[in-house]
Amino acid sequence: MFDQVRRRTRFSAAVQMLEVVYHSVVRDVRKQHGNAFLALGVNMLQIVIFVAVFYVMFTLLGLRGPGGIRGDFLVFLMSGIFLYMTNIKALGAVMGAEGATSAMMKHAPMNTIVAIGSAAIGALYIQTLTLLIIMFGYHVIITPLEFEDWQSAFLMFLLAWFNGCALGIVLLALQPWLPTFTKIVALIYKRANMIASGKMFVANSLPPYMLAMFDWNPLFHIIDQARGFAFINYMPRNSSWEYPLIVSCCFIVLGLMGEFYTRRHVSVSWYARR
């Protein structure tokens, strides 16, 4: 009888929810490493090592300038590796988001949608900072960067992140039911995309029988389209950005439906099997 009821407008409720999301993002980023700068440094080191290994491999095998793309070879490598890393990092972050039985869900404003969104935004934050720092360093130290359409290329970067989040939501919804299976699927997806993502070649250079082996993969389309926006003399004919966008939206809908169903039936004992 002594409780004081405060009426909140929709705007104040939205501001409070954004504040919860902000603090959740900060917590999620710092959860990867106690020092946010070290977490960023580790991520940068992973990408630099990836680029260096592929650069040496392509140089030793004499495969420089694949697919007839005339331009900066390192930009060709980074356009594939950045999008691949962003995709799998987003998938791993969303798949590892706080579940319905997490201790964080005991706090009233917190819910699983906020946890998923925070994990996704945290992954995007780290990958975007890594992209900007490495590209800036390359532009200043090595050679000036030139992109045919950098805005559209960045949209492909966001699409790779969105696709990873969509797949992560589906696996997150399945994880309480099939914990071992989802881990195996995620591992196979990450390993298969080392080749199936097409970051080492371009779609225009593939014969039809090989193209059929890769064009099912949304990430293959995203990387090929990104190179079309990055290089003035490459026009992707065998890929489209609409296909990964439609597939990602379908996975988002299915994943959220599955997450809602799982949240209503979840049990604390399930997570003992993880």
C-alpha atoms as a PDB file:
ATOM      1  CA  MET A   1       0.000   0.000   0.000  1.00  0.00           C
ATOM      2  CA  PHE A   2       3.014   2.269   0.391  1.00  0.00           C
ATOM      3  CA  ASP A   3       4.409   1.515  -3.075  1.00  0.00           C
ATOM      4  CA  GLN A   4       4.810   4.579  -5.257  1.00  0.00           C
ATOM      5  CA  VAL A   5       3.721   4.018  -8.828  1.00  0.00           C
ATOM      6  CA  ARG A   6       5.516   6.100 -11.426  1.00  0.00           C
ATOM      7  CA  ARG A   7       3.983   6.441 -14.838  1.00  0.00           C
ATOM      8  CA  ARG A   8       6.493   6.158 -17.631  1.00  0.00           C
ATOM      9  CA  THR A   9       6.091   7.427 -21.132  1.00  0.00           C
ATOM     10  CA  ARG A  10       7.148   5.365 -24.104  1.00  0.00           C
ATOM     11  CA  PHE A  11      10.081   7.702 -24.641  1.00  0.00           C
ATOM     12  CA  SER A  12      11.392   7.253 -21.091  1.00  0.00           C
ATOM     13  CA  ALA A  13      10.956   3.478 -21.368  1.00  0.00           C
ATOM     14  CA  ALA A  14      12.920   3.513 -24.634  1.00  0.00           C
ATOM     15  CA  VAL A  15      15.699   5.591 -23.058  1.00  0.00           C
ATOM     16  CA  GLN A  16      15.900   3.200 -20.116  1.00  0.00           C
ATOM     17  CA  MET A  17      16.076   0.209 -22.454  1.00  0.00           C
ATOM     18  CA  LEU A  18      18.838   1.874 -24.491  1.00  0.00           C
ATOM     19  CA  GLU A  19      20.747   2.441 -21.263  1.00  0.00           C
ATOM     20  CA  VAL A  20      20.407  -1.248 -20.396  1.00  0.00           C
ATOM     21  CA  VAL A  21      21.617  -2.194 -23.894  1.00  0.00           C
ATOM     22  CA  TYR A  22      24.595   0.159 -23.570  1.00  0.00           C
ATOM     23  CA  HIS A  23      25.722  -1.310 -20.258  1.00  0.00           C
ATOM     24  CA  SER A  24      25.160  -4.823 -21.605  1.00  0.00           C
ATOM     25  CA  VAL A  25      27.336  -4.055 -24.640  1.00  0.00           C
ATOM     26  CA  VAL A  26      30.111  -2.719 -22.391  1.00  0.00           C
ATOM     27  CA  ARG A  27      29.867  -5.820 -20.217  1.00  0.00           C
ATOM     28  CA  ASP A  28      29.918  -8.098 -23.243  1.00  0.00           C
ATOM     29  CA  VAL A  29      32.983  -6.394 -24.737  1.00  0.00           C
ATOM     30  CA  ARG A  30      34.877  -6.467 -21.445  1.00  0.00           C
ATOM     31  CA  LYS A  31      33.854 -10.089 -20.904  1.00  0.00           C
ATOM     32  CA  GLN A  32      36.140 -11.091 -23.774  1.00  0.00           C
ATOM     33  CA  HIS A  33      39.095  -9.536 -21.943  1.00  0.00           C
ATOM     34  CA  GLY A  34      39.482  -7.533 -18.770  1.00  0.00           C
ATOM     35  CA  ASN A  35      41.163  -4.767 -20.769  1.00  0.00           C
ATOM     36  CA  ALA A  36      39.119  -3.544 -23.746  1.00  0.00           C
ATOM     37  CA  PHE A  37      42.274  -2.347 -25.538  1.00  0.00           C
ATOM     38  CA  LEU A  38      43.840  -5.793 -25.261  1.00  0.00           C
ATOM     39  CA  ALA A  39      40.647  -7.374 -26.601  1.00  0.00           C
ATOM     40  CA  LEU A  40      40.870  -5.050 -29.604  1.00  0.00           C
ATOM     41  CA  GLY A  41      44.589  -5.795 -29.983  1.00  0.00           C
ATOM     42  CA  VAL A  42      44.024  -9.559 -29.968  1.00  0.00           C
ATOM     43  CA  ASN A  43      41.366  -9.227 -32.651  1.00  0.00           C
ATOM     44  CA  MET A  44      43.644  -7.035 -34.777  1.00  0.00           C
ATOM     45  CA  LEU A  45      46.490  -9.517 -34.376  1.00  0.00           C
ATOM     46  CA  GLN A  46      44.280 -12.378 -35.590  1.00  0.00           C
ATOM     47  CA  ILE A  47      43.357 -10.506 -38.757  1.00  0.00           C
ATOM     48  CA  VAL A  48      46.924  -9.324 -39.434  1.00  0.00           C
ATOM     49  CA  ILE A  49      48.191 -12.902 -39.087  1.00  0.00           C
ATOM     50  CA  PHE A  50      45.443 -14.133 -41.442  1.00  0.00           C
ATOM     51  CA  VAL A  51      46.377 -11.521 -44.048  1.00  0.00           C
ATOM     52  CA  ALA A  52      50.107 -12.241 -43.700  1.00  0.00           C
ATOM     53  CA  VAL A  53      49.645 -16.012 -44.066  1.00  0.00           C
ATOM     54  CA  PHE A  54      47.463 -15.700 -47.166  1.00  0.00           C
ATOM     55  CA  TYR A  55      49.780 -13.084 -48.668  1.00  0.00           C
ATOM     56  CA  VAL A  56      52.809 -15.359 -48.281  1.00  0.00           C
ATOM     57  CA  MET A  57      50.863 -18.379 -49.556  1.00  0.00           C
ATOM     58  CA  PHE A  58      49.581 -16.565 -52.659  1.00  0.00           C
ATOM     59  CA  THR A  59      53.029 -15.118 -53.338  1.00  0.00           C
ATOM     60  CA  LEU A  60      54.790 -18.475 -53.087  1.00  0.00           C
ATOM     61  CA  LEU A  61      52.187 -20.179 -55.275  1.00  0.00           C
ATOM     62  CA  GLY A  62      52.284 -17.404 -57.853  1.00  0.00           C
ATOM     63  CA  LEU A  63      48.563 -16.655 -57.577  1.00  0.00           C
ATOM     64  CA  ARG A  64      48.815 -12.889 -57.330  1.00  0.00           C
ATOM     65  CA  GLY A  65      46.074 -11.002 -59.149  1.00  0.00           C
ATOM     66  CA  PRO A  66      43.342 -13.707 -59.174  1.00  0.00           C
ATOM     67  CA  GLY A  67      40.347 -13.428 -61.439  1.00  0.00           C
ATOM     68  CA  GLY A  68      41.869 -10.621 -63.489  1.00  0.00           C
ATOM     69  CA  ILE A  69      41.352  -8.035 -60.731  1.00  0.00           C
ATOM     70  CA  ARG A  70      43.938  -5.325 -61.303  1.00  0.00           C
ATOM     71  CA  GLY A  71      44.505  -3.399 -58.116  1.00  0.00           C
ATOM     72  CA  ASP A  72      45.967  -3.602 -54.645  1.00  0.00           C
ATOM     73  CA  PHE A  73      46.440  -7.277 -53.818  1.00  0.00           C
ATOM     74  CA  LEU A  74      46.312  -6.672 -50.062  1.00  0.00           C
ATOM     75  CA  VAL A  75      42.945  -4.944 -50.451  1.00  0.00           C
ATOM     76  CA  PHE A  76      41.758  -8.072 -52.278  1.00  0.00           C
ATOM     77  CA  LEU A  77      42.894 -10.223 -49.331  1.00  0.00           C
ATOM     78  CA  MET A  78      41.559  -7.915 -46.636  1.00  0.00           C
ATOM     79  CA  SER A  79      38.152  -7.581 -48.315  1.00  0.00           C
ATOM     80  CA  GLY A  80      37.676 -11.340 -47.947  1.00  0.00           C
ATOM     81  CA  ILE A  81      39.313 -11.836 -44.553  1.00  0.00           C
ATOM     82  CA  PHE A  82      37.572  -8.904 -42.851  1.00  0.00           C
ATOM     83  CA  LEU A  83      34.137 -10.069 -43.957  1.00  0.00           C
ATOM     84  CA  TYR A  84      34.857 -13.691 -43.061  1.00  0.00           C
ATOM     85  CA  MET A  85      36.114 -12.759 -39.579  1.00  0.00           C
ATOM     86  CA  THR A  86      33.185 -10.397 -38.992  1.00  0.00           C
ATOM     87  CA  ASN A  87      30.722 -13.117 -39.980  1.00  0.00           C
ATOM     88  CA  ILE A  88      32.121 -15.838 -37.726  1.00  0.00           C
ATOM     89  CA  LYS A  89      32.757 -13.444 -34.816  1.00  0.00           C
ATOM     90  CA  ALA A  90      29.132 -12.272 -34.946  1.00  0.00           C
ATOM     91  CA  LEU A  91      27.919 -15.874 -35.086  1.00  0.00           C
ATOM     92  CA  GLY A  92      30.053 -16.861 -32.086  1.00  0.00           C
ATOM     93  CA  ALA A  93      29.056 -13.802 -30.055  1.00  0.00           C
ATOM     94  CA  VAL A  94      25.309 -14.234 -30.599  1.00  0.00           C
ATOM     95  CA  MET A  95      25.477 -17.989 -30.082  1.00  0.00           C
ATOM     96  CA  GLY A  96      27.242 -17.383 -26.761  1.00  0.00           C
ATOM     97  CA  ALA A  97      24.778 -14.733 -25.548  1.00  0.00           C
ATOM     98  CA  GLU A  98      23.164 -14.973 -22.110  1.00  0.00           C
ATOM     99  CA  GLY A  99      20.323 -17.490 -22.033  1.00  0.00           C
ATOM    100  CA  ALA A 100      16.984 -17.426 -20.236  1.00  0.00           C
ATOM    101  CA  THR A 101      18.455 -19.194 -17.181  1.00  0.00           C
ATOM    102  CA  SER A 102      21.419 -16.825 -16.837  1.00  0.00           C
ATOM    103  CA  ALA A 103      21.851 -14.953 -13.567  1.00  0.00           C
ATOM    104  CA  MET A 104      21.669 -11.685 -15.513  1.00  0.00           C
ATOM    105  CA  MET A 105      18.010 -12.400 -16.322  1.00  0.00           C
ATOM    106  CA  LYS A 106      17.149 -11.958 -12.640  1.00  0.00           C
ATOM    107  CA  HIS A 107      17.530  -8.210 -13.094  1.00  0.00           C
ATOM    108  CA  ALA A 108      14.187  -6.742 -14.083  1.00  0.00           C
ATOM    109  CA  PRO A 109      15.062  -4.683 -17.221  1.00  0.00           C
ATOM    110  CA  MET A 110      17.209  -7.485 -18.657  1.00  0.00           C
ATOM    111  CA  ASN A 111      15.848 -10.012 -21.120  1.00  0.00           C
ATOM    112  CA  THR A 112      17.195 -12.387 -23.755  1.00  0.00           C
ATOM    113  CA  ILE A 113      16.548  -9.973 -26.649  1.00  0.00           C
ATOM    114  CA  VAL A 114      18.745  -7.364 -24.933  1.00  0.00           C
ATOM    115  CA  ALA A 115      21.405 -10.022 -24.357  1.00  0.00           C
ATOM    116  CA  ILE A 116      21.348 -11.064 -28.029  1.00  0.00           C
ATOM    117  CA  GLY A 117      21.425  -7.465 -29.226  1.00  0.00           C
ATOM    118  CA  SER A 118      24.263  -6.594 -26.867  1.00  0.00           C
ATOM    119  CA  ALA A 119      26.365  -9.545 -28.032  1.00  0.00           C
ATOM    120  CA  ALA A 120      25.763  -8.613 -31.684  1.00  0.00           C
ATOM    121  CA  ILE A 121      26.554  -4.913 -31.179  1.00  0.00           C
ATOM    122  CA  GLY A 122      29.639  -5.764 -29.129  1.00  0.00           C
ATOM    123  CA  ALA A 123      30.975  -7.943 -31.961  1.00  0.00           C
ATOM    124  CA  LEU A 124      30.228  -5.209 -34.515  1.00  0.00           C
ATOM    125  CA  TYR A 125      31.963  -2.612 -32.335  1.00  0.00           C
ATOM    126  CA  ILE A 126      35.170  -4.643 -32.076  1.00  0.00           C
ATOM    127  CA  GLN A 127      35.223  -5.567 -35.772  1.00  0.00           C
ATOM    128  CA  THR A 128      34.493  -2.009 -36.940  1.00  0.00           C
ATOM    129  CA  LEU A 129      37.260  -0.542 -34.780  1.00  0.00           C
ATOM    130  CA  THR A 130      39.651  -3.219 -36.026  1.00  0.00           C
ATOM    131  CA  LEU A 131      38.706  -2.457 -39.638  1.00  0.00           C
ATOM    132  CA  LEU A 132      39.195   1.305 -39.222  1.00  0.00           C
ATOM    133  CA  ILE A 133      42.512   1.009 -37.391  1.00  0.00           C
ATOM    134  CA  ILE A 134      44.063  -1.490 -39.824  1.00  0.00           C
ATOM    135  CA  MET A 135      42.826   0.379 -42.894  1.00  0.00           C
ATOM    136  CA  PHE A 136      44.069   3.688 -41.485  1.00  0.00           C
ATOM    137  CA  GLY A 137      47.462   2.187 -40.676  1.00  0.00           C
ATOM    138  CA  TYR A 138      47.714   0.670 -44.174  1.00  0.00           C
ATOM    139  CA  HIS A 139      46.688   3.974 -45.770  1.00  0.00           C
ATOM    140  CA  VAL A 140      49.234   6.015 -43.790  1.00  0.00           C
ATOM    141  CA  ILE A 141      52.185   3.624 -43.536  1.00  0.00           C
ATOM    142  CA  ILE A 142      52.141   1.551 -46.748  1.00  0.00           C
ATOM    143  CA  THR A 143      50.106   3.106 -49.563  1.00  0.00           C
ATOM    144  CA  PRO A 144      46.985   5.272 -49.957  1.00  0.00           C
ATOM    145  CA  LEU A 145      43.784   3.278 -50.207  1.00  0.00           C
ATOM    146  CA  GLU A 146      41.341   3.811 -53.028  1.00  0.00           C
ATOM    147  CA  PHE A 147      37.868   2.257 -53.219  1.00  0.00           C
ATOM    148  CA  GLU A 148      35.468   2.538 -56.109  1.00  0.00           C
ATOM    149  CA  ASP A 149      32.439   2.743 -53.783  1.00  0.00           C
ATOM    150  CA  TRP A 150      33.484   2.532 -50.138  1.00  0.00           C
ATOM    151  CA  GLN A 151      29.966   3.201 -48.816  1.00  0.00           C
ATOM    152  CA  SER A 152      28.537   0.138 -50.566  1.00  0.00           C
ATOM    153  CA  ALA A 153      31.579  -1.929 -49.589  1.00  0.00           C
ATOM    154  CA  PHE A 154      30.956  -0.996 -45.955  1.00  0.00           C
ATOM    155  CA  LEU A 155      27.317  -2.030 -46.346  1.00  0.00           C
ATOM    156  CA  MET A 156      28.580  -5.470 -47.396  1.00  0.00           C
ATOM    157  CA  PHE A 157      30.650  -5.493 -44.211  1.00  0.00           C
ATOM    158  CA  LEU A 158      27.453  -4.819 -42.232  1.00  0.00           C
ATOM    159  CA  LEU A 159      25.616  -7.488 -44.233  1.00  0.00           C
ATOM    160  CA  ALA A 160      28.300 -10.048 -43.323  1.00  0.00           C
ATOM    161  CA  TRP A 161      27.787  -9.116 -39.657  1.00  0.00           C
ATOM    162  CA  PHE A 162      23.997  -9.326 -40.015  1.00  0.00           C
ATOM    163  CA  ASN A 163      24.219 -12.746 -41.645  1.00  0.00           C
ATOM    164  CA  GLY A 164      26.441 -14.029 -38.826  1.00  0.00           C
ATOM    165  CA  CYS A 165      23.987 -12.700 -36.231  1.00  0.00           C
ATOM    166  CA  ALA A 166      21.064 -14.384 -38.017  1.00  0.00           C
ATOM    167  CA  LEU A 167      22.797 -17.773 -38.033  1.00  0.00           C
ATOM    168  CA  GLY A 168      23.853 -17.246 -34.416  1.00  0.00           C
ATOM    169  CA  ILE A 169      20.245 -16.673 -33.297  1.00  0.00           C
ATOM    170  CA  VAL A 170      19.139 -19.930 -34.930  1.00  0.00           C
ATOM    171  CA  LEU A 171      21.933 -21.868 -33.208  1.00  0.00           C
ATOM    172  CA  LEU A 172      21.243 -20.079 -29.917  1.00  0.00           C
ATOM    173  CA  ALA A 173      17.618 -21.225 -30.055  1.00  0.00           C
ATOM    174  CA  LEU A 174      18.698 -24.819 -30.775  1.00  0.00           C
ATOM    175  CA  GLN A 175      21.512 -24.914 -28.234  1.00  0.00           C
ATOM    176  CA  PRO A 176      19.478 -25.881 -25.114  1.00  0.00           C
ATOM    177  CA  TRP A 177      17.839 -28.714 -27.056  1.00  0.00           C
ATOM    178  CA  LEU A 178      20.910 -29.964 -28.960  1.00  0.00           C
ATOM    179  CA  PRO A 179      24.029 -28.536 -27.275  1.00  0.00           C
ATOM    180  CA  THR A 180      26.602 -30.849 -28.848  1.00  0.00           C
ATOM    181  CA  PHE A 181      25.013 -30.702 -32.289  1.00  0.00           C
ATOM    182  CA  THR A 182      24.982 -26.890 -32.394  1.00  0.00           C
ATOM    183  CA  LYS A 183      28.645 -26.687 -31.394  1.00  0.00           C
ATOM    184  CA  ILE A 184      29.572 -29.132 -34.164  1.00  0.00           C
ATOM    185  CA  VAL A 185      27.492 -27.200 -36.718  1.00  0.00           C
ATOM    186  CA  ALA A 186      29.126 -23.915 -35.714  1.00  0.00           C
ATOM    187  CA  LEU A 187      32.590 -25.466 -35.944  1.00  0.00           C
ATOM    188  CA  ILE A 188      31.876 -27.002 -39.363  1.00  0.00           C
ATOM    189  CA  TYR A 189      30.472 -23.682 -40.621  1.00  0.00           C
ATOM    190  CA  LYS A 190      33.581 -21.763 -39.531  1.00  0.00           C
ATOM    191  CA  ARG A 191      35.995 -24.314 -40.979  1.00  0.00           C
ATOM    192  CA  ALA A 192      34.063 -24.802 -44.226  1.00  0.00           C
ATOM    193  CA  ASN A 193      33.944 -21.066 -44.852  1.00  0.00           C
ATOM    194  CA  MET A 194      37.721 -20.937 -44.880  1.00  0.00           C
ATOM    195  CA  ILE A 195      37.237 -22.053 -48.505  1.00  0.00           C
ATOM    196  CA  ALA A 196      33.484 -21.861 -49.207  1.00  0.00           C
ATOM    197  CA  SER A 197      33.332 -18.112 -48.445  1.00  0.00           C
ATOM    198  CA  GLY A 198      35.345 -17.424 -51.594  1.00  0.00           C
ATOM    199  CA  LYS A 199      37.810 -15.100 -49.924  1.00  0.00           C
ATOM    200  CA  MET A 200      40.686 -16.685 -51.875  1.00  0.00           C
ATOM    201  CA  PHE A 201      39.089 -16.375 -55.332  1.00  0.00           C
ATOM    202  CA  VAL A 202      36.374 -14.488 -57.210  1.00  0.00           C
ATOM    203  CA  ALA A 203      33.141 -15.838 -58.620  1.00  0.00           C
ATOM    204  CA  ASN A 204      33.792 -14.587 -62.164  1.00  0.00           C
ATOM    205  CA  SER A 205      36.878 -16.807 -62.432  1.00  0.00           C
ATOM    206  CA  LEU A 206      35.065 -20.037 -61.542  1.00  0.00           C
ATOM    207  CA  PRO A 207      33.693 -22.499 -64.122  1.00  0.00           C
ATOM    208  CA  PRO A 208      29.973 -23.333 -63.795  1.00  0.00           C
ATOM    209  CA  TYR A 209      30.513 -26.700 -62.113  1.00  0.00           C
ATOM    210  CA  MET A 210      32.627 -25.071 -59.378  1.00  0.00           C
ATOM    211  CA  LEU A 211      30.322 -22.085 -59.030  1.00  0.00           C
ATOM    212  CA  ALA A 212      27.478 -24.465 -58.135  1.00  0.00           C
ATOM    213  CA  MET A 213      29.565 -25.665 -55.183  1.00  0.00           C
ATOM    214  CA  PHE A 214      29.759 -22.183 -53.626  1.00  0.00           C
ATOM    215  CA  ASP A 215      26.772 -20.065 -54.668  1.00  0.00           C
ATOM    216  CA  TRP A 216      24.554 -21.575 -51.934  1.00  0.00           C
ATOM    217  CA  ASN A 217      26.662 -19.714 -49.382  1.00  0.00           C
ATOM    218  CA  PRO A 218      25.424 -16.183 -48.506  1.00  0.00           C
ATOM    219  CA  LEU A 219      28.920 -15.162 -47.373  1.00  0.00           C
ATOM    220  CA  PHE A 220      30.281 -16.096 -50.815  1.00  0.00           C
ATOM    221  CA  HIS A 221      27.863 -13.595 -52.392  1.00  0.00           C
ATOM    222  CA  ILE A 222      28.671 -10.904 -49.825  1.00  0.00           C
ATOM    223  CA  ILE A 223      32.441 -11.100 -50.330  1.00  0.00           C
ATOM    224  CA  ASP A 224      32.137 -11.160 -54.115  1.00  0.00           C
ATOM    225  CA  GLN A 225      29.815  -8.148 -54.079  1.00  0.00           C
ATOM    226  CA  ALA A 226      32.151  -6.282 -51.715  1.00  0.00           C
ATOM    227  CA  ARG A 227      35.015  -6.745 -54.183  1.00  0.00           C
ATOM    228  CA  GLY A 228      32.805  -5.428 -56.950  1.00  0.00           C
ATOM    229  CA  PHE A 229      32.321  -2.234 -54.932  1.00  0.00           C
ATOM    230  CA  ALA A 230      35.993  -2.036 -53.930  1.00  0.00           C
ATOM    231  CA  PHE A 231      37.587  -2.485 -57.388  1.00  0.00           C
ATOM    232  CA  ILE A 232      36.699  -0.371 -60.379  1.00  0.00           C
ATOM    233  CA  ASN A 233      37.537  -3.084 -62.925  1.00  0.00           C
ATOM    234  CA  TYR A 234      35.609  -5.968 -61.337  1.00  0.00           C
ATOM    235  CA  MET A 235      31.920  -6.445 -62.012  1.00  0.00           C
ATOM    236  CA  PRO A 236      30.449  -9.458 -60.149  1.00  0.00           C
ATOM    237  CA  ARG A 237      28.154 -11.344 -62.533  1.00  0.00           C
ATOM    238  CA  ASN A 238      27.533 -14.516 -60.537  1.00  0.00           C
ATOM    239  CA  SER A 239      26.514 -13.115 -57.159  1.00  0.00           C
ATOM    240  CA  SER A 240      24.008 -10.720 -55.637  1.00  0.00           C
ATOM    241  CA  TRP A 241      23.579  -8.942 -52.316  1.00  0.00           C
ATOM    242  CA  GLU A 242      19.812  -9.553 -52.286  1.00  0.00           C
ATOM    243  CA  TYR A 243      20.211 -13.302 -51.768  1.00  0.00           C
ATOM    244  CA  PRO A 244      22.174 -13.089 -48.469  1.00  0.00           C
ATOM    245  CA  LEU A 245      19.878 -10.328 -47.220  1.00  0.00           C
ATOM    246  CA  ILE A 246      16.738 -12.421 -47.828  1.00  0.00           C
ATOM    247  CA  VAL A 247      18.328 -15.550 -46.318  1.00  0.00           C
ATOM    248  CA  SER A 248      19.481 -13.587 -43.261  1.00  0.00           C
ATOM    249  CA  CYS A 249      16.018 -12.102 -42.690  1.00  0.00           C
ATOM    250  CA  CYS A 250      14.487 -15.585 -42.894  1.00  0.00           C
ATOM    251  CA  PHE A 251      17.004 -16.897 -40.362  1.00  0.00           C
ATOM    252  CA  ILE A 252      16.267 -13.948 -38.063  1.00  0.00           C
ATOM    253  CA  VAL A 253      12.544 -14.731 -38.089  1.00  0.00           C
ATOM    254  CA  LEU A 254      13.089 -18.460 -37.552  1.00  0.00           C
ATOM    255  CA  GLY A 255      15.686 -17.840 -34.864  1.00  0.00           C
ATOM    256  CA  LEU A 256      13.505 -15.416 -32.890  1.00  0.00           C
ATOM    257  CA  MET A 257      10.551 -17.805 -33.118  1.00  0.00           C
ATOM    258  CA  GLY A 258      12.752 -20.626 -31.864  1.00  0.00           C
ATOM    259  CA  GLU A 259      14.241 -18.475 -29.118  1.00  0.00           C
ATOM    260  CA  PHE A 260      10.754 -17.465 -27.914  1.00  0.00           C
ATOM    261  CA  TYR A 261       9.639 -21.101 -27.821  1.00  0.00           C
ATOM    262  CA  THR A 262      12.841 -22.198 -26.068  1.00  0.00           C
ATOM    263  CA  ARG A 263      12.549 -19.397 -23.509  1.00  0.00           C
ATOM    264  CA  ARG A 264       9.094 -20.648 -22.473  1.00  0.00           C
ATOM    265  CA  HIS A 265      10.271 -24.248 -22.012  1.00  0.00           C
ATOM    266  CA  VAL A 266      13.849 -23.774 -20.855  1.00  0.00           C
ATOM    267  CA  SER A 267      15.076 -25.500 -17.704  1.00  0.00           C
ATOM    268  CA  VAL A 268      18.130 -24.735 -15.581  1.00  0.00           C
ATOM    269  CA  SER A 269      19.150 -28.386 -15.721  1.00  0.00           C
ATOM    270  CA  TRP A 270      19.566 -28.180 -19.510  1.00  0.00           C
ATOM    271  CA  TYR A 271      22.580 -25.927 -19.169  1.00  0.00           C
ATOM    272  CA  ALA A 272      24.339 -28.501 -17.000  1.00  0.00           C
ATOM    273  CA  ARG A 273      24.936 -30.434 -20.241  1.00  0.00           C
ATOM    274  CA  ARG A 274      26.756 -27.556 -21.931  1.00  0.00           C
END
